[in-house]
């Protein structure tokens, strides 16, 4: 029988596969119809509902989040008090006391937002720091758009920062002079973060290059001592040194502004940490990049500017932005030396007897402000990293 089947197969010119070969052949398993294997649904099936245990944990977390969101909806919106009547020299907070424990009292923010945002700046002149905040946000937005990445953007930065200085200090163009002791709120936070990181970054690049220098050992050891010394000291210590100890070593009658001293301490501290990030990018480049630049006969300046630094900075974009975010949040430490930043302005509102019981609402709003700035920086860095990875693949 089998001999006859083999003869028929050979005569037909189409060999019949054996049963063993058929059993060994892989069989493609298709997903059931209507079940997505990719996209958000596929990701959820794989990561959230891949097993019984993960499904139970997912459902439990969904229940907890939903119950928390419902409680926050009732507390923060439905039962909340948004405004309280103004009685002139006094504030009637009876409406907030009536809902305490059941609803939020956002009136602590709506009734004191000027103190939060502008601190002790003269009330009639608070339009000036308001414009300063808008100018800072405009600079951030313009710098985040690739089509504006030209040499003119640097001139825009210089001109805008000069305008910011005129608006905050005054004393010219008919503006009343306001000393830095009266500055406060969100402009102080943005000034410390923007000037600090903008000046610390180029300094960090120079320190990183100096630390990797082989032809100038004195510069190398000086950079090493600077980085290790600053990184071994907490920022709070530097701020105390700048605020309390530094004036003791100055001649009589010469006492730099407290905000300026804090800004310099912040710049030196940030530059030391950023220098280590940049140095990591320089070390990660293969030796062939340096040898290729030397083979082209490029000078040290051109080799570093056009070949080494662009690649090194592209590699360390995520840790750079992470450091930026950390130092933006560290600006709140200046409250320890009495600088009236955003956080201290919020604490100043809570020091008022009428609002002492509503710290939760105040800190939620302050945290939301910090979160918005940090989240935008993180998203922007992710976009740059994605665009650079696409250009590399091309």
Protein backbone atom coordinates (compact mmCIF):
# COMPACT_ATOMS: atom_id res chain seq x y z
CA UNK A 1 0.00 0.00 0.00
CA UNK A 2 2.73 2.47 0.97
CA UNK A 3 4.80 1.31 -2.01
CA UNK A 4 1.86 2.07 -4.31
CA UNK A 5 1.36 5.55 -2.76
CA UNK A 6 5.02 6.37 -3.23
CA UNK A 7 4.83 5.33 -6.91
CA UNK A 8 1.77 7.52 -7.48
CA UNK A 9 3.51 10.49 -5.80
CA UNK A 10 6.64 10.07 -7.87
CA UNK A 11 4.67 9.76 -11.07
CA UNK A 12 2.74 12.93 -10.27
CA UNK A 13 5.99 14.81 -9.59
CA UNK A 14 4.71 16.09 -6.23
CA UNK A 15 6.31 14.35 -3.25
CA UNK A 16 4.04 13.74 -0.28
CA UNK A 17 5.51 14.98 3.04
CA UNK A 18 5.83 12.46 5.80
CA UNK A 19 3.73 12.62 8.97
CA UNK A 20 6.85 13.29 11.06
CA UNK A 21 7.73 16.32 8.94
CA UNK A 22 4.20 17.61 9.21
CA UNK A 23 4.28 17.29 13.01
CA UNK A 24 7.57 19.18 13.26
CA UNK A 25 6.43 22.10 11.09
CA UNK A 26 5.61 25.23 13.15
CA UNK A 27 2.00 26.25 13.24
CA UNK A 28 1.23 29.99 13.33
CA UNK A 29 -1.05 30.93 16.20
CA UNK A 30 -3.38 33.73 15.33
CA UNK A 31 -4.92 36.07 17.84
CA UNK A 32 -8.67 35.71 18.25
CA UNK A 33 -10.62 38.01 15.95
CA UNK A 34 -11.44 41.41 17.46
CA UNK A 35 -8.57 41.32 20.01
CA UNK A 36 -5.88 43.97 19.43
CA UNK A 37 -2.27 42.85 19.79
CA UNK A 38 -0.71 46.31 19.37
CA UNK A 39 -1.40 49.88 20.35
CA UNK A 40 -2.72 50.98 23.73
CA UNK A 41 -5.09 48.02 24.04
CA UNK A 42 -2.33 45.57 23.24
CA UNK A 43 0.01 47.27 25.70
CA UNK A 44 -2.66 47.11 28.41
CA UNK A 45 -3.33 43.41 27.75
CA UNK A 46 0.38 42.64 27.98
CA UNK A 47 1.39 44.80 30.94
CA UNK A 48 -1.77 45.29 33.00
CA UNK A 49 -3.85 42.19 32.36
CA UNK A 50 -1.19 39.66 31.38
CA UNK A 51 -1.93 37.33 34.29
CA UNK A 52 -4.43 36.85 37.06
CA UNK A 53 -2.17 38.52 39.63
CA UNK A 54 -1.49 41.58 37.46
CA UNK A 55 -5.21 41.86 36.67
CA UNK A 56 -6.11 41.83 40.37
CA UNK A 57 -3.45 44.46 41.16
CA UNK A 58 -4.59 46.62 38.24
CA UNK A 59 -8.23 46.51 39.27
CA UNK A 60 -7.31 47.27 42.89
CA UNK A 61 -5.25 50.30 41.83
CA UNK A 62 -8.04 51.50 39.55
CA UNK A 63 -10.48 51.26 42.45
CA UNK A 64 -8.18 53.16 44.80
CA UNK A 65 -7.47 55.88 42.23
CA UNK A 66 -11.15 56.23 41.36
CA UNK A 67 -12.16 56.52 45.01
CA UNK A 68 -9.39 59.08 45.63
CA UNK A 69 -10.40 61.07 42.54
CA UNK A 70 -14.03 61.09 43.68
CA UNK A 71 -13.05 62.32 47.14
CA UNK A 72 -10.84 65.02 45.65
CA UNK A 73 -13.66 66.06 43.31
CA UNK A 74 -15.99 66.53 46.26
CA UNK A 75 -13.36 68.19 48.44
CA UNK A 76 -11.55 70.29 45.86
CA UNK A 77 -14.38 71.40 43.54
CA UNK A 78 -17.94 70.58 44.54
CA UNK A 79 -17.73 71.57 48.21
CA UNK A 80 -14.91 74.10 47.87
CA UNK A 81 -14.99 77.77 48.78
CA UNK A 82 -13.39 79.93 46.11
CA UNK A 83 -13.89 83.45 47.43
CA UNK A 84 -14.59 85.11 50.77
CA UNK A 85 -16.03 88.58 51.35
CA UNK A 86 -13.54 91.39 51.80
CA UNK A 87 -14.32 93.53 54.84
CA UNK A 88 -11.62 96.11 54.22
CA UNK A 89 -9.00 95.64 56.91
CA UNK A 90 -10.31 92.18 57.85
CA UNK A 91 -11.17 88.97 56.04
CA UNK A 92 -14.29 86.96 56.76
CA UNK A 93 -13.27 83.30 56.57
CA UNK A 94 -16.43 81.92 58.16
CA UNK A 95 -17.40 80.24 54.87
CA UNK A 96 -14.11 78.34 54.89
CA UNK A 97 -14.51 77.34 58.52
CA UNK A 98 -17.99 75.97 57.79
CA UNK A 99 -16.65 73.53 55.17
CA UNK A 100 -13.38 72.69 56.90
CA UNK A 101 -12.74 68.98 56.56
CA UNK A 102 -15.41 68.66 53.85
CA UNK A 103 -14.35 71.16 51.22
CA UNK A 104 -11.23 73.05 50.23
CA UNK A 105 -10.72 76.73 50.90
CA UNK A 106 -9.15 77.98 47.69
CA UNK A 107 -9.82 81.52 48.90
CA UNK A 108 -6.43 81.32 50.60
CA UNK A 109 -5.02 81.54 47.07
CA UNK A 110 -7.56 83.74 45.29
CA UNK A 111 -7.51 86.28 48.11
CA UNK A 112 -3.70 86.36 48.40
CA UNK A 113 -2.44 85.55 44.91
CA UNK A 114 -0.61 88.87 44.66
CA UNK A 115 1.43 88.10 47.78
CA UNK A 116 2.16 84.61 46.44
CA UNK A 117 3.26 85.74 43.00
CA UNK A 118 4.93 89.07 43.74
CA UNK A 119 5.85 88.98 47.41
CA UNK A 120 6.55 92.33 49.03
CA UNK A 121 6.81 94.26 45.78
CA UNK A 122 4.91 97.58 46.08
CA UNK A 123 1.24 96.93 45.40
CA UNK A 124 0.76 99.71 42.85
CA UNK A 125 3.88 98.59 40.94
CA UNK A 126 3.08 94.87 40.74
CA UNK A 127 2.34 95.16 37.04
CA UNK A 128 6.11 95.24 36.59
CA UNK A 129 6.88 91.77 38.01
CA UNK A 130 3.78 90.49 36.18
CA UNK A 131 5.33 91.61 32.89
CA UNK A 132 8.64 90.06 33.99
CA UNK A 133 6.98 86.66 34.45
CA UNK A 134 5.40 86.92 30.99
CA UNK A 135 8.76 87.89 29.48
CA UNK A 136 10.44 84.87 31.05
CA UNK A 137 7.72 82.55 29.75
CA UNK A 138 8.03 84.13 26.30
CA UNK A 139 11.79 83.52 26.33
CA UNK A 140 11.27 79.89 27.31
CA UNK A 141 8.69 79.35 24.55
CA UNK A 142 10.81 81.06 21.88
CA UNK A 143 13.90 79.09 22.91
CA UNK A 144 11.92 75.87 22.66
CA UNK A 145 11.01 76.43 19.00
CA UNK A 146 13.59 75.16 16.52
CA UNK A 147 12.82 77.83 13.92
CA UNK A 148 14.08 80.50 16.32
CA UNK A 149 17.43 78.80 16.92
CA UNK A 150 19.54 81.50 15.30
CA UNK A 151 22.16 83.96 16.43
CA UNK A 152 19.47 86.59 16.81
CA UNK A 153 17.95 84.57 19.66
CA UNK A 154 20.99 85.32 21.82
CA UNK A 155 20.48 89.04 21.20
CA UNK A 156 16.81 88.65 22.13
CA UNK A 157 17.85 86.99 25.39
CA UNK A 158 20.29 89.78 26.25
CA UNK A 159 17.78 92.52 25.41
CA UNK A 160 14.95 90.81 27.31
CA UNK A 161 17.06 90.24 30.41
CA UNK A 162 18.06 93.91 30.32
CA UNK A 163 14.38 94.89 30.15
CA UNK A 164 13.67 92.55 33.07
CA UNK A 165 16.37 94.26 35.13
CA UNK A 166 14.92 97.69 34.35
CA UNK A 167 11.41 96.59 35.28
CA UNK A 168 12.45 95.01 38.56
CA UNK A 169 14.90 97.67 39.74
CA UNK A 170 13.36 100.75 38.20
CA UNK A 171 14.98 104.10 38.81
CA UNK A 172 14.85 105.00 35.10
CA UNK A 173 12.17 105.91 32.56
CA UNK A 174 9.94 107.26 35.30
CA UNK A 175 9.86 103.94 37.20
CA UNK A 176 10.26 104.12 40.95
CA UNK A 177 13.30 102.36 42.39
CA UNK A 178 12.55 99.07 44.15
CA UNK A 179 15.42 97.45 46.09
CA UNK A 180 15.93 93.71 45.89
CA UNK A 181 14.80 93.36 49.50
CA UNK A 182 11.28 94.13 48.26
CA UNK A 183 11.37 91.59 45.44
CA UNK A 184 9.65 88.28 45.93
CA UNK A 185 7.38 85.54 44.69
CA UNK A 186 7.57 83.87 41.32
CA UNK A 187 9.91 86.44 39.68
CA UNK A 188 12.61 85.65 42.28
CA UNK A 189 12.32 81.93 41.52
CA UNK A 190 12.55 82.52 37.77
CA UNK A 191 15.44 84.98 38.13
CA UNK A 192 17.48 82.60 40.27
CA UNK A 193 16.78 79.62 38.02
CA UNK A 194 17.24 81.39 34.67
CA UNK A 195 20.33 83.43 35.46
CA UNK A 196 21.79 80.62 37.53
CA UNK A 197 21.51 77.90 34.89
CA UNK A 198 22.25 80.21 31.96
CA UNK A 199 25.55 81.28 33.52
CA UNK A 200 26.38 77.95 35.16
CA UNK A 201 26.15 75.95 31.93
CA UNK A 202 28.99 77.66 29.99
CA UNK A 203 31.09 77.63 33.16
CA UNK A 204 30.44 73.91 33.54
CA UNK A 205 31.58 73.25 29.97
CA UNK A 206 34.85 75.09 30.61
CA UNK A 207 35.37 73.22 33.89
CA UNK A 208 34.67 69.85 32.22
CA UNK A 209 37.14 70.61 29.43
CA UNK A 210 39.70 71.84 31.94
CA UNK A 211 39.34 68.69 34.03
CA UNK A 212 40.08 66.55 30.97
CA UNK A 213 43.01 68.70 29.91
CA UNK A 214 46.32 66.88 29.51
CA UNK A 215 48.59 69.75 28.52
CA UNK A 216 47.76 72.06 31.44
CA UNK A 217 48.04 70.12 34.72
CA UNK A 218 47.58 73.23 36.87
CA UNK A 219 44.22 73.97 35.22
CA UNK A 220 43.21 70.32 35.52
CA UNK A 221 43.93 70.11 39.25
CA UNK A 222 42.25 73.46 39.86
CA UNK A 223 39.09 72.20 38.15
CA UNK A 224 39.23 68.93 40.08
CA UNK A 225 39.53 70.76 43.41
CA UNK A 226 36.67 73.10 42.49
CA UNK A 227 34.30 70.31 41.48
CA UNK A 228 35.06 68.01 44.38
CA UNK A 229 34.95 70.82 46.93
CA UNK A 230 31.62 72.23 45.75
CA UNK A 231 30.03 68.80 45.31
CA UNK A 232 31.07 67.87 48.84
CA UNK A 233 29.23 70.82 50.39
CA UNK A 234 25.41 71.11 50.58
CA UNK A 235 23.79 74.03 48.80
CA UNK A 236 22.40 75.25 52.12
CA UNK A 237 25.95 75.63 53.42
CA UNK A 238 26.98 77.67 50.40
CA UNK A 239 23.95 79.91 50.80
CA UNK A 240 24.79 80.48 54.48
CA UNK A 241 28.39 81.25 53.57
CA UNK A 242 27.27 83.73 50.91
CA UNK A 243 24.70 85.36 53.18
CA UNK A 244 26.43 85.40 56.58
CA UNK A 245 30.15 84.66 56.30
CA UNK A 246 31.10 86.41 53.07
CA UNK A 247 30.20 89.95 54.27
CA UNK A 248 32.51 89.46 57.27
CA UNK A 249 35.52 89.25 54.96
CA UNK A 250 34.58 92.35 52.96
CA UNK A 251 35.92 95.84 53.73
CA UNK A 252 33.74 98.13 55.79
CA UNK A 253 31.02 99.73 53.72
CA UNK A 254 31.30 97.15 50.94
CA UNK A 255 28.46 94.68 51.20
CA UNK A 256 27.16 93.15 47.96
CA UNK A 257 23.44 92.61 47.64
CA UNK A 258 22.09 89.48 49.33
CA UNK A 259 20.26 88.34 46.20
CA UNK A 260 23.45 88.76 44.16
CA UNK A 261 25.45 86.72 46.68
CA UNK A 262 22.84 83.96 46.63
CA UNK A 263 22.83 84.01 42.83
CA UNK A 264 26.63 83.60 42.69
CA UNK A 265 26.48 80.71 45.17
CA UNK A 266 23.78 79.06 43.08
CA UNK A 267 25.82 79.49 39.88
CA UNK A 268 28.96 77.97 41.42
CA UNK A 269 27.01 75.05 42.87
CA UNK A 270 25.11 74.29 39.66
CA UNK A 271 28.25 74.58 37.51
CA UNK A 272 30.05 71.91 39.54
CA UNK A 273 27.25 69.37 39.04
CA UNK A 274 26.70 70.24 35.39
CA UNK A 275 30.45 69.92 34.77
CA UNK A 276 30.33 66.28 35.84
CA UNK A 277 27.43 65.63 33.48
CA UNK A 278 29.29 67.24 30.57
CA UNK A 279 32.47 65.35 31.47
CA UNK A 280 30.53 62.10 31.29
CA UNK A 281 29.45 62.99 27.76
CA UNK A 282 33.04 63.79 26.77
CA UNK A 283 34.29 60.49 28.16
CA UNK A 284 31.61 58.50 26.35
CA UNK A 285 32.79 59.58 22.91
CA UNK A 286 34.92 56.99 21.13
CA UNK A 287 38.59 57.77 20.67
CA UNK A 288 38.10 57.70 16.91
CA UNK A 289 36.26 61.03 17.00
CA UNK A 290 39.29 62.78 18.47
CA UNK A 291 41.64 61.04 16.05
CA UNK A 292 39.47 61.94 13.06
CA UNK A 293 39.49 65.59 14.09
CA UNK A 294 43.26 65.51 14.50
CA UNK A 295 43.62 63.86 11.10
CA UNK A 296 41.75 66.78 9.53
CA UNK A 297 44.27 69.17 11.03
CA UNK A 298 41.71 71.02 13.14
CA UNK A 299 42.83 73.21 15.99
CA UNK A 300 41.78 72.43 19.55
CA UNK A 301 39.15 75.16 19.45
CA UNK A 302 37.57 74.00 16.18
CA UNK A 303 37.81 70.33 17.13
CA UNK A 304 36.08 70.93 20.45
CA UNK A 305 33.48 73.37 19.13
CA UNK A 306 32.37 71.60 15.95
CA UNK A 307 33.01 67.90 16.60
CA UNK A 308 33.44 66.95 20.25
CA UNK A 309 31.04 69.18 22.19
CA UNK A 310 27.98 68.78 19.91
CA UNK A 311 28.16 64.99 20.17
CA UNK A 312 28.91 65.00 23.90
CA UNK A 313 26.04 67.36 24.72
CA UNK A 314 23.64 65.36 22.58
CA UNK A 315 24.48 62.24 24.58
CA UNK A 316 23.88 63.89 27.96
CA UNK A 317 20.63 65.73 27.19
CA UNK A 318 18.55 63.58 29.61
CA UNK A 319 20.89 63.99 32.62
CA UNK A 320 21.35 67.69 31.80
CA UNK A 321 17.62 68.33 31.89
CA UNK A 322 17.31 66.22 35.01
CA UNK A 323 19.93 68.45 36.65
CA UNK A 324 18.12 71.57 35.42
CA UNK A 325 14.88 70.34 36.99
CA UNK A 326 16.63 69.57 40.27
CA UNK A 327 18.18 73.01 40.50
CA UNK A 328 14.94 74.73 39.56
CA UNK A 329 13.39 73.10 42.61
CA UNK A 330 16.46 73.91 44.71
CA UNK A 331 15.77 77.62 44.30
CA UNK A 332 13.27 77.23 47.13
CA UNK A 333 16.20 76.79 49.54
CA UNK A 334 16.88 80.53 49.44
CA UNK A 335 14.04 80.98 51.92
CA UNK A 336 16.53 79.82 54.58
CA UNK A 337 18.52 83.04 54.16
CA UNK A 338 15.41 85.21 54.03
CA UNK A 339 14.96 85.72 50.29
CA UNK A 340 11.25 86.00 49.55
CA UNK A 341 10.87 83.42 46.78
CA UNK A 342 7.66 81.67 45.71
CA UNK A 343 7.69 79.16 48.56
CA UNK A 344 8.45 81.74 51.24
CA UNK A 345 5.72 83.98 49.81
CA UNK A 346 3.25 81.13 50.28
CA UNK A 347 4.50 80.59 53.82
CA UNK A 348 4.04 84.31 54.42
CA UNK A 349 0.36 83.99 53.53
CA UNK A 350 -0.01 81.05 55.91
CA UNK A 351 1.52 83.15 58.69
CA UNK A 352 -1.55 85.40 58.62
CA UNK A 353 -3.96 84.39 61.43
CA UNK A 354 -6.95 84.13 59.09
CA UNK A 355 -5.26 81.57 56.81
CA UNK A 356 -3.18 79.41 59.13
CA UNK A 357 -5.58 76.45 58.88
CA UNK A 358 -5.42 76.15 55.09
CA UNK A 359 -1.86 75.08 54.39
CA UNK A 360 -2.95 72.05 52.34
CA UNK A 361 -4.60 74.20 49.68
CA UNK A 362 -1.62 76.56 49.55
CA UNK A 363 0.95 73.80 49.15
CA UNK A 364 -1.14 72.09 46.46
CA UNK A 365 -1.08 75.28 44.38
CA UNK A 366 2.64 75.85 44.98
CA UNK A 367 3.41 72.25 44.03
CA UNK A 368 1.31 72.64 40.86
CA UNK A 369 3.34 75.72 39.82
CA UNK A 370 6.64 73.90 40.30
CA UNK A 371 5.26 70.82 38.56
CA UNK A 372 4.19 72.77 35.46
CA UNK A 373 7.66 74.23 34.91
CA UNK A 374 9.43 70.92 35.60
CA UNK A 375 7.03 68.91 33.43
CA UNK A 376 7.48 71.28 30.49
CA UNK A 377 11.27 70.93 30.76
CA UNK A 378 11.01 67.14 30.88
CA UNK A 379 8.68 66.97 27.87
CA UNK A 380 10.87 69.34 25.89
CA UNK A 381 13.97 67.27 26.58
CA UNK A 382 12.13 64.12 25.48
CA UNK A 383 11.18 65.84 22.22
CA UNK A 384 14.77 66.91 21.54
CA UNK A 385 16.02 63.41 22.28
CA UNK A 386 13.45 61.90 19.93
CA UNK A 387 14.30 64.33 17.11
CA UNK A 388 18.02 63.68 17.49
CA UNK A 389 17.50 59.91 17.41
CA UNK A 390 15.53 60.28 14.18
CA UNK A 391 18.28 62.36 12.59
CA UNK A 392 20.86 59.75 13.59
CA UNK A 393 18.83 56.94 11.98
CA UNK A 394 18.56 58.94 8.77
